[in-house]
């Protein structure tokens, strides 16, 4: 990487830390200096991993990305292994790395190896200009993985890693989890039971008001509504023998959801697909279907599916119960049922998570980094940290600044790397020394 570009990237960090050196201890100043020096290697690691396709279903590609991380992890004193999953899940499993220690809080670092871009995608390679990197998964989340690993490398370079107990779980199927979920996330949950704090390195959210830190993420649950009615000539609709038909019934239910359930704080529920007619075929996995009928025939079948997102798991249970109550009030000569498909649980905005965010902002103050605001959970989707939220306190969104994730315009802002590597290294340092409260 050209020296002039490196100088450009670290200039803002150097300027900030110069203004706030009195807030950092001597070893913390060494950590920041080491973090700045890790930027070129972090970019190289992002490039190498982005250039390996690791779509969730590309088992070989996902494992190859994990193996690219292995040498760095082993050089940092981690024992590295693959957490296998059953072959029937058709997923790669997860990279798990552990470093034993007895000092301070036990840290769990969460990332993922896969992307939404399968080998069939036309978006396959890394490129960059002076300020921006482009490529599949460059910010979601190979950039975040690199930040986490090079923050640990900075700690080692500064002589500040010894004694820390850290577990890393990079899942292989975050974008398209295998099923059953209990098996797919067993390795991650097991790691959480041996940890005190979870730090997730999904992409940083930032805007004109500054950087945002995530202390809560909403759940993501699927639902499917299936409705049947009596097929008949349309002239008989609304009559005692024919009733309302399946399409009126599915419309009644969806309208009831909107009118009666909408408004719970932090919760949304959305129908994404609907088909109805005399004959219906619906593929729940592919979220697509076909329907056939005639204008003069009352529809016999209708199917709709969608999702629910809530800020707490208790909210999810309330909404499920209220949806079931709406479904149960059938129009004449119709029957309806709703089923739910468990997905990501909620990561609730706990007081402990708020305290962690305050600890991070003390680091920002001491190091001269910008302060971070608490992100509204509706501004980002579900993620793996939610599976461990009942076991550990945590922060999310500690990765690279990026734009247009999950699209072929995905970017990573190179200028975010110095402050994100520095922030992460200082946070891990203070947590593993019991200095998270000052």
Protein backbone atom coordinates (compact mmCIF):
# COMPACT_ATOMS: atom_id res chain seq x y z
CA UNK A 1 0.00 0.00 0.00
CA UNK A 2 1.49 3.42 -0.88
CA UNK A 3 3.01 5.26 2.09
CA UNK A 4 1.12 8.44 1.15
CA UNK A 5 -2.21 6.61 1.44
CA UNK A 6 -1.25 5.13 4.80
CA UNK A 7 -0.34 8.61 6.02
CA UNK A 8 -3.67 9.94 4.80
CA UNK A 9 -5.62 7.23 6.60
CA UNK A 10 -3.95 7.63 9.97
CA UNK A 11 -3.71 11.43 9.97
CA UNK A 12 -7.09 11.90 11.66
CA UNK A 13 -6.25 9.41 14.38
CA UNK A 14 -2.88 10.97 15.03
CA UNK A 15 -4.42 14.42 15.24
CA UNK A 16 -7.09 13.23 17.66
CA UNK A 17 -4.76 11.32 19.95
CA UNK A 18 -2.31 14.20 20.01
CA UNK A 19 -5.08 16.32 21.52
CA UNK A 20 -5.94 13.73 24.16
CA UNK A 21 -2.71 12.00 25.21
CA UNK A 22 -3.37 12.83 28.85
CA UNK A 23 -6.42 10.56 28.75
CA UNK A 24 -4.43 7.43 27.93
CA UNK A 25 -1.91 5.50 29.97
CA UNK A 26 1.55 4.90 28.49
CA UNK A 27 0.63 1.36 27.43
CA UNK A 28 -2.60 2.65 25.85
CA UNK A 29 -0.62 5.15 23.82
CA UNK A 30 1.50 2.27 22.58
CA UNK A 31 -1.69 0.39 21.67
CA UNK A 32 -2.96 3.31 19.57
CA UNK A 33 0.37 3.62 17.79
CA UNK A 34 0.37 -0.11 17.09
CA UNK A 35 -3.24 0.06 15.85
CA UNK A 36 -2.31 2.76 13.34
CA UNK A 37 0.56 0.61 12.09
CA UNK A 38 -1.83 -2.31 11.48
CA UNK A 39 -3.91 -0.48 8.84
CA UNK A 40 -1.98 -1.63 5.75
CA UNK A 41 -2.00 -5.27 6.88
CA UNK A 42 -5.72 -5.05 7.66
CA UNK A 43 -6.46 -3.79 4.14
CA UNK A 44 -4.38 -6.60 2.67
CA UNK A 45 -6.31 -9.16 4.73
CA UNK A 46 -9.61 -7.70 3.55
CA UNK A 47 -8.45 -7.92 -0.06
CA UNK A 48 -7.33 -11.54 0.27
CA UNK A 49 -10.57 -12.67 1.91
CA UNK A 50 -12.90 -10.66 -0.33
CA UNK A 51 -11.29 -12.28 -3.37
CA UNK A 52 -12.43 -15.70 -2.12
CA UNK A 53 -16.11 -16.25 -2.79
CA UNK A 54 -17.81 -17.27 0.44
CA UNK A 55 -21.50 -17.23 -0.29
CA UNK A 56 -23.32 -19.01 2.53
CA UNK A 57 -23.91 -22.11 0.40
CA UNK A 58 -20.32 -22.24 -0.91
CA UNK A 59 -18.99 -24.58 1.75
CA UNK A 60 -15.48 -24.80 0.32
CA UNK A 61 -15.22 -21.03 -0.09
CA UNK A 62 -16.39 -20.28 3.44
CA UNK A 63 -13.85 -22.71 4.87
CA UNK A 64 -11.08 -21.23 2.71
CA UNK A 65 -11.77 -17.75 4.13
CA UNK A 66 -11.55 -19.19 7.63
CA UNK A 67 -8.25 -20.82 6.84
CA UNK A 68 -6.86 -17.47 5.68
CA UNK A 69 -7.41 -16.20 9.24
CA UNK A 70 -5.77 -19.21 10.90
CA UNK A 71 -2.07 -18.18 10.65
CA UNK A 72 -2.68 -14.76 12.19
CA UNK A 73 -4.77 -16.25 14.98
CA UNK A 74 -2.17 -18.88 15.78
CA UNK A 75 0.56 -16.24 15.82
CA UNK A 76 -1.48 -14.43 18.47
CA UNK A 77 -1.59 -17.51 20.71
CA UNK A 78 -5.05 -18.78 19.78
CA UNK A 79 -5.95 -22.43 19.44
CA UNK A 80 -7.99 -22.66 16.23
CA UNK A 81 -10.56 -25.30 15.27
CA UNK A 82 -13.59 -25.82 13.08
CA UNK A 83 -16.93 -26.33 14.80
CA UNK A 84 -18.55 -28.78 12.43
CA UNK A 85 -22.28 -28.91 11.73
CA UNK A 86 -24.27 -31.89 10.41
CA UNK A 87 -23.77 -32.53 6.69
CA UNK A 88 -27.54 -32.35 6.22
CA UNK A 89 -27.39 -28.60 6.95
CA UNK A 90 -25.20 -28.01 3.86
CA UNK A 91 -23.16 -25.36 5.66
CA UNK A 92 -19.44 -24.98 6.31
CA UNK A 93 -19.51 -24.82 10.09
CA UNK A 94 -17.75 -22.14 12.11
CA UNK A 95 -14.21 -21.00 12.87
CA UNK A 96 -13.58 -21.00 16.63
CA UNK A 97 -10.39 -19.64 18.19
CA UNK A 98 -9.60 -19.55 21.91
CA UNK A 99 -6.90 -17.89 23.95
CA UNK A 100 -6.73 -18.79 27.62
CA UNK A 101 -6.17 -16.22 30.33
CA UNK A 102 -7.16 -15.27 33.85
CA UNK A 103 -7.19 -11.49 33.79
CA UNK A 104 -10.21 -9.20 33.59
CA UNK A 105 -13.41 -9.86 31.69
CA UNK A 106 -13.67 -12.84 29.34
CA UNK A 107 -14.30 -11.54 25.81
CA UNK A 108 -16.26 -13.16 22.98
CA UNK A 109 -15.57 -11.67 19.53
CA UNK A 110 -18.25 -12.36 16.92
CA UNK A 111 -17.90 -12.17 13.15
CA UNK A 112 -18.94 -14.20 10.13
CA UNK A 113 -17.17 -15.71 7.15
CA UNK A 114 -20.00 -15.85 4.63
CA UNK A 115 -21.56 -13.25 2.34
CA UNK A 116 -24.82 -12.99 0.42
CA UNK A 117 -22.94 -13.33 -2.88
CA UNK A 118 -22.87 -16.92 -4.17
CA UNK A 119 -20.49 -18.03 -6.99
CA UNK A 120 -23.20 -17.20 -9.53
CA UNK A 121 -23.03 -13.50 -8.62
CA UNK A 122 -21.28 -11.11 -10.95
CA UNK A 123 -19.78 -9.31 -7.92
CA UNK A 124 -16.64 -11.25 -7.02
CA UNK A 125 -13.49 -9.15 -6.68
CA UNK A 126 -11.88 -6.52 -4.47
CA UNK A 127 -10.82 -3.13 -5.78
CA UNK A 128 -10.03 0.20 -4.16
CA UNK A 129 -9.22 3.81 -4.74
CA UNK A 130 -7.63 6.30 -2.38
CA UNK A 131 -10.52 6.38 0.10
CA UNK A 132 -12.83 3.45 -0.60
CA UNK A 133 -12.66 -0.31 -1.04
CA UNK A 134 -15.26 -2.21 -3.07
CA UNK A 135 -16.14 -5.89 -3.16
CA UNK A 136 -18.47 -8.65 -1.95
CA UNK A 137 -18.52 -8.64 1.85
CA UNK A 138 -15.96 -5.83 2.08
CA UNK A 139 -17.88 -4.24 4.97
CA UNK A 140 -20.32 -7.08 5.77
CA UNK A 141 -18.21 -8.34 7.20
CA UNK A 142 -14.70 -9.16 6.09
CA UNK A 143 -13.70 -5.61 6.97
CA UNK A 144 -15.04 -6.10 10.48
CA UNK A 145 -13.22 -9.41 10.88
CA UNK A 146 -9.97 -7.72 9.88
CA UNK A 147 -10.55 -4.90 12.38
CA UNK A 148 -11.07 -7.39 15.21
CA UNK A 149 -8.00 -9.45 14.32
CA UNK A 150 -5.70 -6.48 13.83
CA UNK A 151 -6.90 -4.90 17.06
CA UNK A 152 -5.67 -8.07 18.75
CA UNK A 153 -2.42 -7.85 16.79
CA UNK A 154 -2.00 -4.25 17.99
CA UNK A 155 -2.46 -5.42 21.57
CA UNK A 156 0.20 -8.07 21.07
CA UNK A 157 2.59 -5.56 19.47
CA UNK A 158 2.11 -3.23 22.44
CA UNK A 159 2.74 -6.04 24.95
CA UNK A 160 -0.88 -5.87 26.17
CA UNK A 161 -2.40 -9.20 25.11
CA UNK A 162 -0.87 -11.59 27.64
CA UNK A 163 -3.30 -12.84 30.28
CA UNK A 164 -6.46 -11.97 28.36
CA UNK A 165 -9.06 -14.69 27.84
CA UNK A 166 -10.64 -14.22 24.42
CA UNK A 167 -12.81 -16.48 22.29
CA UNK A 168 -13.50 -15.75 18.63
CA UNK A 169 -16.42 -17.28 16.75
CA UNK A 170 -16.66 -16.49 13.05
CA UNK A 171 -19.84 -18.21 11.91
CA UNK A 172 -20.08 -19.69 8.45
CA UNK A 173 -23.75 -19.06 7.76
CA UNK A 174 -24.84 -15.75 9.27
CA UNK A 175 -26.43 -14.57 6.04
CA UNK A 176 -28.42 -17.79 5.53
CA UNK A 177 -28.41 -19.87 8.72
CA UNK A 178 -28.68 -23.62 8.55
CA UNK A 179 -31.49 -25.40 10.34
CA UNK A 180 -32.26 -26.33 12.99
CA UNK A 181 -31.06 -23.06 14.48
CA UNK A 182 -30.29 -24.66 17.85
CA UNK A 183 -27.67 -26.80 16.13
CA UNK A 184 -26.51 -24.02 13.79
CA UNK A 185 -25.69 -21.68 16.70
CA UNK A 186 -24.59 -24.22 19.30
CA UNK A 187 -20.88 -23.34 19.03
CA UNK A 188 -21.62 -19.63 19.40
CA UNK A 189 -23.92 -20.09 22.39
CA UNK A 190 -21.46 -22.48 24.07
CA UNK A 191 -18.74 -19.84 23.71
CA UNK A 192 -21.03 -17.24 25.27
CA UNK A 193 -21.55 -19.38 28.37
CA UNK A 194 -17.77 -19.16 28.94
CA UNK A 195 -17.62 -15.39 28.36
CA UNK A 196 -18.61 -12.15 30.08
CA UNK A 197 -18.78 -9.64 27.21
CA UNK A 198 -19.64 -10.08 23.52
CA UNK A 199 -18.26 -7.68 20.91
CA UNK A 200 -19.70 -7.97 17.41
CA UNK A 201 -17.87 -6.48 14.43
CA UNK A 202 -20.68 -5.95 11.91
CA UNK A 203 -20.33 -2.71 9.99
CA UNK A 204 -20.21 0.66 11.75
CA UNK A 205 -23.19 2.93 11.17
CA UNK A 206 -22.17 6.55 10.70
CA UNK A 207 -23.82 9.64 9.25
CA UNK A 208 -23.51 13.41 9.27
CA UNK A 209 -24.15 13.46 13.03
CA UNK A 210 -21.31 11.05 13.83
CA UNK A 211 -20.68 7.40 14.64
CA UNK A 212 -23.30 5.13 16.21
CA UNK A 213 -22.86 2.17 18.55
CA UNK A 214 -25.38 -0.67 18.75
CA UNK A 215 -26.65 -1.89 22.12
CA UNK A 216 -29.81 -3.57 20.79
CA UNK A 217 -30.84 -5.50 17.69
CA UNK A 218 -34.32 -6.57 16.74
CA UNK A 219 -35.48 -10.15 16.33
CA UNK A 220 -36.38 -11.66 12.97
CA UNK A 221 -39.12 -14.29 12.84
CA UNK A 222 -40.99 -15.62 9.82
CA UNK A 223 -44.70 -16.35 9.56
CA UNK A 224 -46.94 -18.06 7.03
CA UNK A 225 -50.70 -17.62 6.73
CA UNK A 226 -52.71 -20.35 4.98
CA UNK A 227 -56.39 -19.80 4.13
CA UNK A 228 -59.01 -22.00 2.49
CA UNK A 229 -62.54 -21.21 1.31
CA UNK A 230 -65.28 -22.86 -0.73
CA UNK A 231 -64.74 -22.76 -4.49
CA UNK A 232 -67.93 -21.81 -6.32
CA UNK A 233 -69.36 -19.58 -9.04
CA UNK A 234 -68.77 -15.97 -8.15
CA UNK A 235 -72.49 -15.22 -8.29
CA UNK A 236 -72.85 -17.10 -5.00
CA UNK A 237 -70.24 -15.20 -3.01
CA UNK A 238 -71.43 -13.92 0.40
CA UNK A 239 -74.26 -16.48 0.36
CA UNK A 240 -74.75 -19.09 3.04
CA UNK A 241 -73.37 -21.94 0.93
CA UNK A 242 -70.35 -20.15 -0.54
CA UNK A 243 -69.30 -17.68 2.09
CA UNK A 244 -66.55 -15.09 1.58
CA UNK A 245 -63.81 -17.05 -0.21
CA UNK A 246 -60.13 -17.35 0.60
CA UNK A 247 -58.95 -14.02 -0.80
CA UNK A 248 -61.41 -11.95 1.21
CA UNK A 249 -60.38 -13.90 4.30
CA UNK A 250 -56.66 -13.35 3.81
CA UNK A 251 -57.38 -9.66 3.17
CA UNK A 252 -59.43 -9.48 6.39
CA UNK A 253 -56.60 -11.00 8.39
CA UNK A 254 -53.88 -8.74 7.00
CA UNK A 255 -56.09 -5.70 7.51
CA UNK A 256 -56.69 -6.87 11.08
CA UNK A 257 -52.96 -7.15 11.72
CA UNK A 258 -52.50 -3.57 10.51
CA UNK A 259 -55.44 -2.12 12.44
CA UNK A 260 -55.14 -4.00 15.73
CA UNK A 261 -51.47 -4.84 16.30
CA UNK A 262 -49.50 -2.03 14.68
CA UNK A 263 -47.95 0.41 17.13
CA UNK A 264 -46.12 -1.74 19.67
CA UNK A 265 -42.82 0.10 20.39
CA UNK A 266 -39.91 -1.20 18.35
CA UNK A 267 -42.00 -3.80 16.54
CA UNK A 268 -42.87 -4.28 12.88
CA UNK A 269 -44.57 -7.06 10.96
CA UNK A 270 -44.68 -7.15 7.21
CA UNK A 271 -46.30 -9.41 4.59
CA UNK A 272 -43.76 -9.99 1.86
CA UNK A 273 -45.52 -12.41 -0.49
CA UNK A 274 -49.18 -13.23 -1.15
CA UNK A 275 -50.83 -15.59 -3.66
CA UNK A 276 -54.46 -16.64 -3.99
CA UNK A 277 -56.84 -18.28 -6.41
CA UNK A 278 -58.48 -21.56 -7.35
CA UNK A 279 -55.12 -23.34 -7.53
CA UNK A 280 -52.06 -22.15 -5.58
CA UNK A 281 -48.49 -23.40 -5.36
CA UNK A 282 -46.24 -21.75 -2.79
CA UNK A 283 -42.57 -22.46 -2.02
CA UNK A 284 -41.91 -21.20 1.51
CA UNK A 285 -38.13 -21.61 1.23
CA UNK A 286 -37.86 -19.64 -2.01
CA UNK A 287 -40.59 -17.16 -0.98
CA UNK A 288 -42.35 -17.48 -4.31
CA UNK A 289 -45.54 -18.98 -5.67
CA UNK A 290 -48.01 -19.21 -8.51
CA UNK A 291 -51.78 -18.93 -8.61
CA UNK A 292 -54.50 -19.63 -11.15
CA UNK A 293 -58.22 -18.87 -11.18
CA UNK A 294 -60.95 -17.03 -13.00
CA UNK A 295 -62.79 -13.80 -12.37
CA UNK A 296 -66.08 -15.70 -12.05
CA UNK A 297 -64.83 -18.33 -9.57
CA UNK A 298 -64.53 -17.77 -5.80
CA UNK A 299 -60.96 -18.43 -4.69
CA UNK A 300 -60.37 -21.62 -2.73
CA UNK A 301 -56.86 -20.94 -1.44
CA UNK A 302 -54.63 -18.07 -0.38
CA UNK A 303 -51.19 -17.97 1.19
CA UNK A 304 -49.21 -15.05 2.60
CA UNK A 305 -45.85 -14.92 4.33
CA UNK A 306 -43.77 -12.27 6.00
CA UNK A 307 -41.65 -11.40 9.01
CA UNK A 308 -41.86 -9.96 12.52
CA UNK A 309 -39.16 -7.82 14.13
CA UNK A 310 -39.23 -6.86 17.81
CA UNK A 311 -36.96 -5.18 20.31
CA UNK A 312 -37.53 -7.85 22.98
CA UNK A 313 -38.47 -11.51 22.94
CA UNK A 314 -41.45 -10.73 25.19
CA UNK A 315 -42.76 -8.33 22.55
CA UNK A 316 -42.45 -11.09 19.97
CA UNK A 317 -44.57 -13.44 22.05
CA UNK A 318 -47.26 -10.79 22.52
CA UNK A 319 -47.44 -10.09 18.80
CA UNK A 320 -47.63 -13.78 17.94
CA UNK A 321 -50.55 -14.22 20.33
CA UNK A 322 -52.38 -11.20 18.92
CA UNK A 323 -51.86 -12.40 15.34
CA UNK A 324 -53.29 -15.78 16.24
CA UNK A 325 -56.33 -14.08 17.77
CA UNK A 326 -56.98 -12.13 14.55
CA UNK A 327 -56.60 -15.29 12.45
CA UNK A 328 -59.10 -17.17 14.60
CA UNK A 329 -62.00 -14.85 13.66
CA UNK A 330 -62.87 -16.47 10.32
CA UNK A 331 -65.24 -15.08 7.72
CA UNK A 332 -68.13 -17.43 6.71
CA UNK A 333 -67.08 -20.73 5.11
CA UNK A 334 -63.35 -20.06 5.47
CA UNK A 335 -60.60 -21.51 7.59
CA UNK A 336 -57.21 -20.01 8.35
CA UNK A 337 -54.06 -20.95 10.24
CA UNK A 338 -50.79 -19.17 10.96
CA UNK A 339 -47.43 -20.78 11.64
CA UNK A 340 -44.22 -19.16 12.81
CA UNK A 341 -40.64 -19.94 11.82
CA UNK A 342 -38.11 -19.09 14.51
CA UNK A 343 -35.23 -16.92 13.36
CA UNK A 344 -32.98 -14.49 15.19
CA UNK A 345 -33.98 -13.59 18.76
CA UNK A 346 -33.87 -10.03 20.02
CA UNK A 347 -30.90 -8.33 21.65
CA UNK A 348 -32.68 -6.11 24.15
CA UNK A 349 -31.34 -2.64 25.10
CA UNK A 350 -30.26 -3.52 28.64
CA UNK A 351 -28.76 -1.18 31.19
CA UNK A 352 -25.58 -3.27 31.18
CA UNK A 353 -25.23 -2.73 27.44
CA UNK A 354 -25.72 1.01 27.95
CA UNK A 355 -22.93 0.95 30.52
CA UNK A 356 -20.66 -0.75 28.01
CA UNK A 357 -21.44 1.99 25.50
CA UNK A 358 -20.53 4.58 28.13
CA UNK A 359 -17.23 2.76 28.68
CA UNK A 360 -16.57 2.93 24.95
CA UNK A 361 -17.32 6.63 24.94
CA UNK A 362 -14.82 7.16 27.77
CA UNK A 363 -12.26 5.54 25.47
CA UNK A 364 -13.37 7.86 22.66
CA UNK A 365 -12.91 10.84 24.96
CA UNK A 366 -9.53 9.68 26.24
CA UNK A 367 -8.17 8.83 22.78
CA UNK A 368 -9.63 11.78 20.90
CA UNK A 369 -11.98 9.65 18.79
CA UNK A 370 -15.49 10.96 17.99
CA UNK A 371 -18.17 10.23 20.58
CA UNK A 372 -20.70 7.56 19.61
CA UNK A 373 -24.48 7.76 19.87
CA UNK A 374 -26.84 4.86 20.64
CA UNK A 375 -28.30 3.49 17.42
CA UNK A 376 -32.05 3.06 16.99
CA UNK A 377 -32.43 -0.75 16.48
CA UNK A 378 -34.79 -0.15 13.55
CA UNK A 379 -31.80 1.14 11.56
CA UNK A 380 -30.17 -2.27 11.22
CA UNK A 381 -31.15 -5.92 10.84
CA UNK A 382 -30.75 -8.99 13.00
CA UNK A 383 -27.35 -10.61 13.61
CA UNK A 384 -25.57 -13.41 15.45
CA UNK A 385 -24.97 -11.45 18.65
CA UNK A 386 -28.69 -11.77 19.38
CA UNK A 387 -28.27 -15.52 19.97
CA UNK A 388 -26.00 -14.81 22.94
CA UNK A 389 -27.78 -11.76 24.36
CA UNK A 390 -29.39 -13.81 27.15
CA UNK A 391 -25.95 -15.02 28.27
CA UNK A 392 -23.63 -11.99 28.03
CA UNK A 393 -23.68 -8.21 27.84
CA UNK A 394 -22.60 -6.85 24.51
CA UNK A 395 -21.96 -4.18 21.92
CA UNK A 396 -22.44 -4.49 18.16
CA UNK A 397 -21.53 -2.53 15.06
CA UNK A 398 -17.82 -2.22 15.88
CA UNK A 399 -16.66 -2.98 12.33
CA UNK A 400 -15.77 -0.89 9.32
CA UNK A 401 -17.79 2.02 8.00
CA UNK A 402 -19.48 0.98 4.78
CA UNK A 403 -22.38 1.54 2.44
CA UNK A 404 -24.78 -0.50 0.31
CA UNK A 405 -24.29 -3.84 2.02
CA UNK A 406 -25.94 -6.84 0.35
CA UNK A 407 -25.76 -5.10 -3.02
CA UNK A 408 -23.19 -5.03 -5.81
CA UNK A 409 -22.36 -1.45 -4.73
CA UNK A 410 -21.00 -2.53 -1.33
CA UNK A 411 -18.15 -0.35 -0.05
CA UNK A 412 -15.83 0.07 2.90
CA UNK A 413 -14.44 3.48 3.89
CA UNK A 414 -10.70 3.01 4.36
CA UNK A 415 -10.51 6.06 6.62
CA UNK A 416 -12.58 4.25 9.26
CA UNK A 417 -9.92 1.58 9.86
CA UNK A 418 -7.50 3.51 12.12
CA UNK A 419 -10.16 4.63 14.58
CA UNK A 420 -12.02 1.30 14.53
CA UNK A 421 -8.89 -0.77 15.11
CA UNK A 422 -7.83 1.66 17.81
CA UNK A 423 -11.23 1.73 19.50
CA UNK A 424 -11.48 -2.04 19.52
CA UNK A 425 -7.97 -2.55 20.84
CA UNK A 426 -8.45 -0.05 23.68
CA UNK A 427 -11.86 -1.48 24.59
CA UNK A 428 -10.53 -5.03 24.75
CA UNK A 429 -7.53 -3.81 26.73
CA UNK A 430 -9.62 -2.08 29.37
CA UNK A 431 -12.17 -4.88 29.62
CA UNK A 432 -9.54 -7.54 30.09
CA UNK A 433 -7.94 -5.51 32.86
CA UNK A 434 -11.13 -4.84 34.79
CA UNK A 435 -10.91 -1.13 33.92
CA UNK A 436 -14.13 -0.81 31.98
CA UNK A 437 -15.51 1.55 34.65
CA UNK A 438 -13.47 4.65 35.45
